[in-house]
């Protein structure tokens, strides 16, 4: 009876190992097939390694760009840059409105 019990226990242990390894394999396949979301910050400050004057603030959602400039009245400020073909960029919208003679636009 003891030998038969050991064979049954060993068989159950092998079945458990097979089930557990198949379960782990299927979980890893599912995780690999689904892309994980990547964190992208809304705003990023980007520095140039060559010049301190090349400091930019970038809007990761809408593609707007500001450059750090010195203003006589206010000191250091971010001034929005013209970004061609980006309607979210205020300088581009103003130029676009002027060219296409749009007087008022909801912004």
Protein backbone atom coordinates (compact mmCIF):
# COMPACT_ATOMS: atom_id res chain seq x y z
CA UNK A 1 0.00 0.00 0.00
CA UNK A 2 2.89 2.39 0.77
CA UNK A 3 4.47 1.90 -2.67
CA UNK A 4 1.16 2.53 -4.44
CA UNK A 5 0.65 5.70 -2.41
CA UNK A 6 4.13 6.99 -3.33
CA UNK A 7 3.42 6.37 -7.05
CA UNK A 8 0.10 8.25 -6.81
CA UNK A 9 1.74 11.16 -4.95
CA UNK A 10 4.56 11.31 -7.51
CA UNK A 11 1.99 11.27 -10.35
CA UNK A 12 0.00 14.08 -8.71
CA UNK A 13 3.20 16.07 -8.21
CA UNK A 14 4.15 15.65 -11.89
CA UNK A 15 0.62 16.71 -12.97
CA UNK A 16 0.87 19.75 -10.69
CA UNK A 17 4.24 20.71 -12.20
CA UNK A 18 2.88 20.31 -15.75
CA UNK A 19 -0.22 22.38 -14.95
CA UNK A 20 1.84 25.08 -13.21
CA UNK A 21 4.37 25.34 -16.05
CA UNK A 22 1.57 25.54 -18.68
CA UNK A 23 -0.15 28.22 -16.59
CA UNK A 24 3.04 30.29 -16.36
CA UNK A 25 3.68 29.90 -20.08
CA UNK A 26 0.18 31.08 -21.01
CA UNK A 27 0.41 34.10 -18.67
CA UNK A 28 3.73 35.17 -20.12
CA UNK A 29 2.35 34.91 -23.69
CA UNK A 30 -0.62 37.07 -22.77
CA UNK A 31 1.57 39.69 -21.14
CA UNK A 32 3.91 39.77 -24.14
CA UNK A 33 1.07 40.15 -26.65
CA UNK A 34 -0.46 43.18 -24.89
CA UNK A 35 1.66 46.34 -25.11
CA UNK A 36 2.27 48.02 -21.81
CA UNK A 37 1.44 51.73 -21.62
CA UNK A 38 4.45 54.03 -21.69
CA UNK A 39 4.41 57.09 -19.48
CA UNK A 40 4.84 60.24 -21.55
CA UNK A 41 4.99 63.50 -19.61
CA UNK A 42 2.73 66.32 -20.76
CA UNK A 43 5.50 68.93 -20.54
CA UNK A 44 9.24 68.39 -20.85
CA UNK A 45 12.10 70.83 -20.44
CA UNK A 46 14.80 70.08 -23.00
CA UNK A 47 18.33 71.46 -22.71
CA UNK A 48 20.90 71.74 -25.47
CA UNK A 49 24.30 70.35 -24.54
CA UNK A 50 25.94 73.05 -26.65
CA UNK A 51 24.41 76.33 -25.48
CA UNK A 52 22.50 77.47 -22.43
CA UNK A 53 20.31 79.65 -24.66
CA UNK A 54 18.82 76.54 -26.24
CA UNK A 55 16.39 75.60 -23.48
CA UNK A 56 12.95 74.55 -24.65
CA UNK A 57 9.63 73.61 -23.04
CA UNK A 58 7.82 70.99 -25.13
CA UNK A 59 4.14 70.09 -24.84
CA UNK A 60 4.07 66.35 -25.50
CA UNK A 61 0.32 66.25 -26.10
CA UNK A 62 -0.13 69.06 -28.62
CA UNK A 63 3.39 69.64 -29.94
CA UNK A 64 3.67 73.25 -28.80
CA UNK A 65 7.20 74.53 -28.16
CA UNK A 66 8.48 77.44 -26.05
CA UNK A 67 12.04 78.76 -25.84
CA UNK A 68 13.57 80.27 -22.72
CA UNK A 69 14.37 83.93 -23.46
CA UNK A 70 15.30 86.93 -21.36
CA UNK A 71 12.75 89.74 -21.14
CA UNK A 72 13.80 93.18 -19.87
CA UNK A 73 10.66 93.60 -17.76
CA UNK A 74 10.00 90.06 -16.58
CA UNK A 75 13.40 88.37 -16.62
CA UNK A 76 13.57 84.81 -17.97
CA UNK A 77 10.36 83.68 -19.66
CA UNK A 78 9.27 80.98 -22.09
CA UNK A 79 8.27 82.46 -25.45
CA UNK A 80 6.19 80.26 -27.74
CA UNK A 81 7.86 79.39 -31.02
CA UNK A 82 6.32 79.13 -34.45
CA UNK A 83 5.73 75.48 -35.31
CA UNK A 84 4.69 75.02 -38.90
CA UNK A 85 1.57 72.92 -39.60
CA UNK A 86 0.63 72.70 -35.93
CA UNK A 87 -2.70 74.42 -35.34
CA UNK A 88 -2.17 74.13 -31.59
CA UNK A 89 0.82 76.49 -31.88
CA UNK A 90 -0.45 80.02 -31.24
CA UNK A 91 2.04 81.78 -33.59
CA UNK A 92 1.08 79.35 -36.37
CA UNK A 93 -2.64 79.90 -35.73
CA UNK A 94 -2.17 83.68 -35.89
CA UNK A 95 -0.22 83.41 -39.16
CA UNK A 96 -2.77 80.95 -40.55
CA UNK A 97 -5.65 83.24 -39.58
CA UNK A 98 -3.92 86.24 -41.17
CA UNK A 99 -3.23 84.42 -44.45
CA UNK A 100 -6.73 82.93 -44.71
CA UNK A 101 -8.41 86.11 -43.46
CA UNK A 102 -10.04 84.44 -40.46
CA UNK A 103 -11.08 87.19 -38.06
CA UNK A 104 -12.18 85.23 -35.00
CA UNK A 105 -11.39 81.70 -33.97
CA UNK A 106 -12.26 79.87 -30.77
CA UNK A 107 -8.96 78.93 -29.15
